[in-house]
Protein backbone atom coordinates (compact mmCIF):
# COMPACT_ATOMS: atom_id res chain seq x y z
CA UNK A 1 17.27 191.81 46.82
CA UNK A 2 17.06 189.90 43.50
CA UNK A 3 18.37 186.77 45.15
CA UNK A 4 14.84 186.49 46.53
CA UNK A 5 12.60 186.31 43.48
CA UNK A 6 13.95 189.08 41.25
CA UNK A 7 13.01 192.72 41.04
CA UNK A 8 9.50 192.29 39.48
CA UNK A 9 6.62 193.36 41.74
CA UNK A 10 2.87 192.81 41.52
CA UNK A 11 1.26 195.79 43.26
CA UNK A 12 -0.35 194.64 46.47
CA UNK A 13 0.97 191.08 46.14
CA UNK A 14 4.72 191.32 46.48
CA UNK A 15 7.27 189.62 44.28
CA UNK A 16 5.86 188.84 40.88
CA UNK A 17 7.74 185.60 40.54
CA UNK A 18 6.12 184.17 43.72
CA UNK A 19 2.82 183.92 41.87
CA UNK A 20 4.32 180.89 40.12
CA UNK A 21 4.67 178.93 43.37
CA UNK A 22 2.08 176.30 44.25
CA UNK A 23 -0.08 176.68 47.32
CA UNK A 24 1.59 173.69 48.89
CA UNK A 25 5.22 174.83 49.24
CA UNK A 26 6.45 171.75 51.19
CA UNK A 27 9.75 170.37 50.06
CA UNK A 28 8.23 167.09 48.75
CA UNK A 29 5.62 168.87 46.69
CA UNK A 30 8.12 171.34 45.20
CA UNK A 31 10.50 168.55 44.32
CA UNK A 32 7.77 166.47 42.71
CA UNK A 33 5.75 169.19 40.96
CA UNK A 34 7.73 172.45 40.75
CA UNK A 35 11.52 171.88 40.55
CA UNK A 36 13.25 172.38 37.25
CA UNK A 37 14.75 169.18 35.78
CA UNK A 38 17.57 170.97 33.98
CA UNK A 39 19.18 167.71 32.77
CA UNK A 40 17.83 164.21 33.38
CA UNK A 41 17.85 163.46 37.09
CA UNK A 42 19.22 166.82 38.14
CA UNK A 43 16.62 169.24 39.62
CA UNK A 44 16.87 172.64 41.22
CA UNK A 45 14.67 175.09 43.17
CA UNK A 46 16.04 178.61 43.10
CA UNK A 47 15.10 181.59 45.20
CA UNK A 48 16.27 183.79 42.27
CA UNK A 49 13.27 182.49 40.33
CA UNK A 50 10.72 182.58 43.20
CA UNK A 51 11.08 182.34 46.97
CA UNK A 52 9.39 179.39 48.74
CA UNK A 53 8.38 180.26 52.28
CA UNK A 54 11.22 178.23 53.81
CA UNK A 55 14.01 179.90 51.77
CA UNK A 56 15.72 183.14 52.83
CA UNK A 57 18.12 184.24 55.56
CA UNK A 58 19.01 181.76 58.27
CA UNK A 59 20.58 182.59 61.57
CA UNK A 60 24.07 181.16 62.24
CA UNK A 61 22.84 178.94 65.05
CA UNK A 62 20.44 177.19 62.69
CA UNK A 63 23.05 176.20 60.17
CA UNK A 64 25.77 174.57 62.20
CA UNK A 65 25.98 171.53 59.95
CA UNK A 66 26.69 173.45 56.81
CA UNK A 67 30.03 172.88 55.08
CA UNK A 68 31.88 175.59 53.21
CA UNK A 69 32.66 174.91 49.55
CA UNK A 70 34.58 178.06 48.84
CA UNK A 71 34.48 181.81 48.40
CA UNK A 72 33.19 183.68 45.27
CA UNK A 73 34.51 187.10 44.60
CA UNK A 74 31.92 188.59 42.26
CA UNK A 75 29.82 191.53 41.02
CA UNK A 76 27.04 192.29 43.44
CA UNK A 77 24.19 192.56 41.01
CA UNK A 78 21.47 191.36 43.48
CA UNK A 79 20.26 194.88 44.25
CA UNK A 80 19.48 197.78 41.92
CA UNK A 81 22.34 200.30 42.01
CA UNK A 82 23.68 202.91 39.61
CA UNK A 83 27.21 201.52 39.88
CA UNK A 84 28.49 197.95 40.09
CA UNK A 85 30.82 196.86 42.83
CA UNK A 86 32.47 193.61 44.01
CA UNK A 87 31.82 191.56 47.11
CA UNK A 88 32.93 188.25 48.51
CA UNK A 89 30.33 185.58 49.25
CA UNK A 90 31.09 182.32 51.09
CA UNK A 91 29.25 179.36 49.59
CA UNK A 92 28.02 176.69 51.99
CA UNK A 93 26.19 173.41 51.36
CA UNK A 94 24.01 171.27 53.55
CA UNK A 95 21.42 168.46 53.23
CA UNK A 96 17.69 168.80 53.41
CA UNK A 97 15.59 165.84 54.57
CA UNK A 98 17.15 163.40 52.01
CA UNK A 99 20.73 162.29 51.37
CA UNK A 100 20.65 163.47 47.78
CA UNK A 101 18.92 166.84 48.28
CA UNK A 102 21.35 169.64 48.94
CA UNK A 103 20.87 173.23 50.16
CA UNK A 104 23.12 176.00 49.04
CA UNK A 105 23.62 179.07 51.28
CA UNK A 106 25.39 182.36 50.57
CA UNK A 107 26.94 184.52 53.28
CA UNK A 108 27.98 187.77 51.66
CA UNK A 109 30.72 189.58 53.57
CA UNK A 110 30.42 193.15 54.64
CA UNK A 111 32.61 195.76 52.97
CA UNK A 112 32.51 199.54 53.00
CA UNK A 113 30.84 199.83 49.59
CA UNK A 114 28.12 197.44 50.53
CA UNK A 115 27.51 199.15 53.82
CA UNK A 116 27.31 202.53 52.13
CA UNK A 117 24.86 201.14 49.56
CA UNK A 118 22.51 199.07 51.67
CA UNK A 119 23.30 200.23 55.19
CA UNK A 120 24.26 198.02 58.04
CA UNK A 121 23.07 194.42 57.72
CA UNK A 122 23.48 191.04 59.42
CA UNK A 123 25.58 188.38 57.91
CA UNK A 124 22.85 185.77 57.52
CA UNK A 125 23.25 182.44 55.70
CA UNK A 126 20.91 182.97 52.81
CA UNK A 127 19.35 179.78 51.52
CA UNK A 128 19.13 180.48 47.83
CA UNK A 129 19.20 177.15 46.03
CA UNK A 130 18.20 173.48 46.47
CA UNK A 131 19.71 170.91 44.18
CA UNK A 132 18.29 167.34 43.92
CA UNK A 133 20.20 164.53 42.25
CA UNK A 134 18.48 161.30 41.43
CA UNK A 135 20.11 158.03 40.47
CA UNK A 136 18.04 154.87 41.03
CA UNK A 137 21.05 152.60 40.40
CA UNK A 138 22.80 153.82 43.53
CA UNK A 139 22.09 151.75 46.62
CA UNK A 140 25.02 152.90 48.81
CA UNK A 141 23.95 156.18 50.41
CA UNK A 142 27.62 157.18 50.92
CA UNK A 143 27.62 157.76 47.19
CA UNK A 144 25.86 161.09 47.95
CA UNK A 145 28.68 162.36 50.13
CA UNK A 146 29.89 165.43 48.32
CA UNK A 147 33.41 164.80 49.65
CA UNK A 148 33.36 161.77 47.30
CA UNK A 149 31.61 163.44 44.40
CA UNK A 150 33.52 166.36 42.89
CA UNK A 151 31.24 166.09 39.79
CA UNK A 152 28.19 166.98 41.88
CA UNK A 153 30.01 169.82 43.66
CA UNK A 154 30.95 171.29 40.26
CA UNK A 155 27.37 171.02 39.09
CA UNK A 156 26.06 172.79 42.17
CA UNK A 157 28.50 175.63 41.67
CA UNK A 158 27.63 176.00 37.97
CA UNK A 159 23.86 176.07 38.75
CA UNK A 160 24.45 178.60 41.58
CA UNK A 161 26.49 180.96 39.40
CA UNK A 162 24.00 180.71 36.58
CA UNK A 163 21.08 181.57 38.87
CA UNK A 164 23.10 184.42 40.36
CA UNK A 165 23.44 185.75 36.79
CA UNK A 166 27.24 185.77 37.05
CA UNK A 167 27.27 184.88 33.36
CA UNK A 168 28.89 187.89 31.72
CA UNK A 169 32.56 188.49 31.24
CA UNK A 170 34.36 189.42 34.52
CA UNK A 171 31.20 188.91 36.68
CA UNK A 172 33.28 186.40 38.63
CA UNK A 173 36.63 187.76 39.67
CA UNK A 174 37.77 184.61 41.56
CA UNK A 175 36.62 181.39 43.11
CA UNK A 176 38.69 180.06 46.03
CA UNK A 177 37.85 176.48 47.24
CA UNK A 178 37.80 176.03 50.98
CA UNK A 179 40.02 173.65 52.90
CA UNK A 180 37.04 171.49 53.93
CA UNK A 181 36.75 167.96 52.54
CA UNK A 182 34.15 169.18 50.04
CA UNK A 183 36.25 172.20 49.04
CA UNK A 184 39.27 169.96 48.49
CA UNK A 185 37.38 168.08 45.74
CA UNK A 186 37.62 171.20 43.49
CA UNK A 187 40.72 171.03 41.46
CA UNK A 188 42.72 174.20 40.63
CA UNK A 189 41.78 174.03 36.93
CA UNK A 190 38.10 174.07 37.59
CA UNK A 191 38.40 176.82 40.21
CA UNK A 192 40.20 178.99 37.76
CA UNK A 193 37.88 178.25 34.80
CA UNK A 194 34.55 178.60 36.59
CA UNK A 195 34.37 182.29 35.64
CA UNK A 196 34.49 181.36 31.96
CA UNK A 197 32.59 178.08 32.16
CA UNK A 198 29.38 179.94 33.11
CA UNK A 199 29.73 182.79 30.64
CA UNK A 200 26.82 183.07 28.27
CA UNK A 201 24.41 180.84 30.25
CA UNK A 202 21.14 182.71 29.93
CA UNK A 203 18.68 179.85 29.43
CA UNK A 204 18.16 176.44 31.01
CA UNK A 205 19.12 174.89 27.62
CA UNK A 206 22.56 176.44 27.82
CA UNK A 207 22.88 175.52 31.45
CA UNK A 208 22.10 171.94 30.51
CA UNK A 209 24.85 171.93 27.84
CA UNK A 210 27.43 172.99 30.44
CA UNK A 211 26.18 170.53 33.05
CA UNK A 212 26.36 167.65 30.55
CA UNK A 213 30.02 168.51 29.93
CA UNK A 214 30.87 167.70 33.61
CA UNK A 215 32.44 164.25 33.77
CA UNK A 216 30.89 161.79 36.23
CA UNK A 217 33.38 161.01 38.99
CA UNK A 218 31.72 158.16 40.89
CA UNK A 219 32.63 155.71 42.19
CA UNK A 220 35.85 156.99 43.66
CA UNK A 221 38.49 154.74 45.15
């Protein structure tokens, strides 16, 4: 699947993109020396670019602390097929080691087309993205609670959709926020416009332009 390092292969070595990863794939080293700083103080590590050894499918019992942001109905372009088809993927977020480092997991739901295309599969929680926000002026760690930071939730969703290559017209059919405290930070206007906000993002420079347009919403009362 292209959500794990793309379709490029080096014969005898596996995914071509994994050759870009450092030997030390610990979180700290990747955040310090590998993560992409797409705008100042906003970094990401994406399995769509290359898959660190700790990314990939997680069993449900491992991810009990994840919180659902919402559900994406989208083109399933993460495997090579002759015809395109739509799926629904639930988007979950969690924390990884630090209060300002967030994991993003996808759980793509089974449907008949998907089962006919790839066969039976387990509904794992696929860790596909880590987003790291840095702000040295923040002393109160509660400032990193996503239920208080709709701006950060929006940025996470924009980065996710860009890395999923849902950037062409009608790639995203709908985004439905969840009823969780984090999902409730997403206003109806943003949920409706997400499919057009990410259109045309094919470089980190364009991604940066879109992220810079997201208004900071901290502190909240």
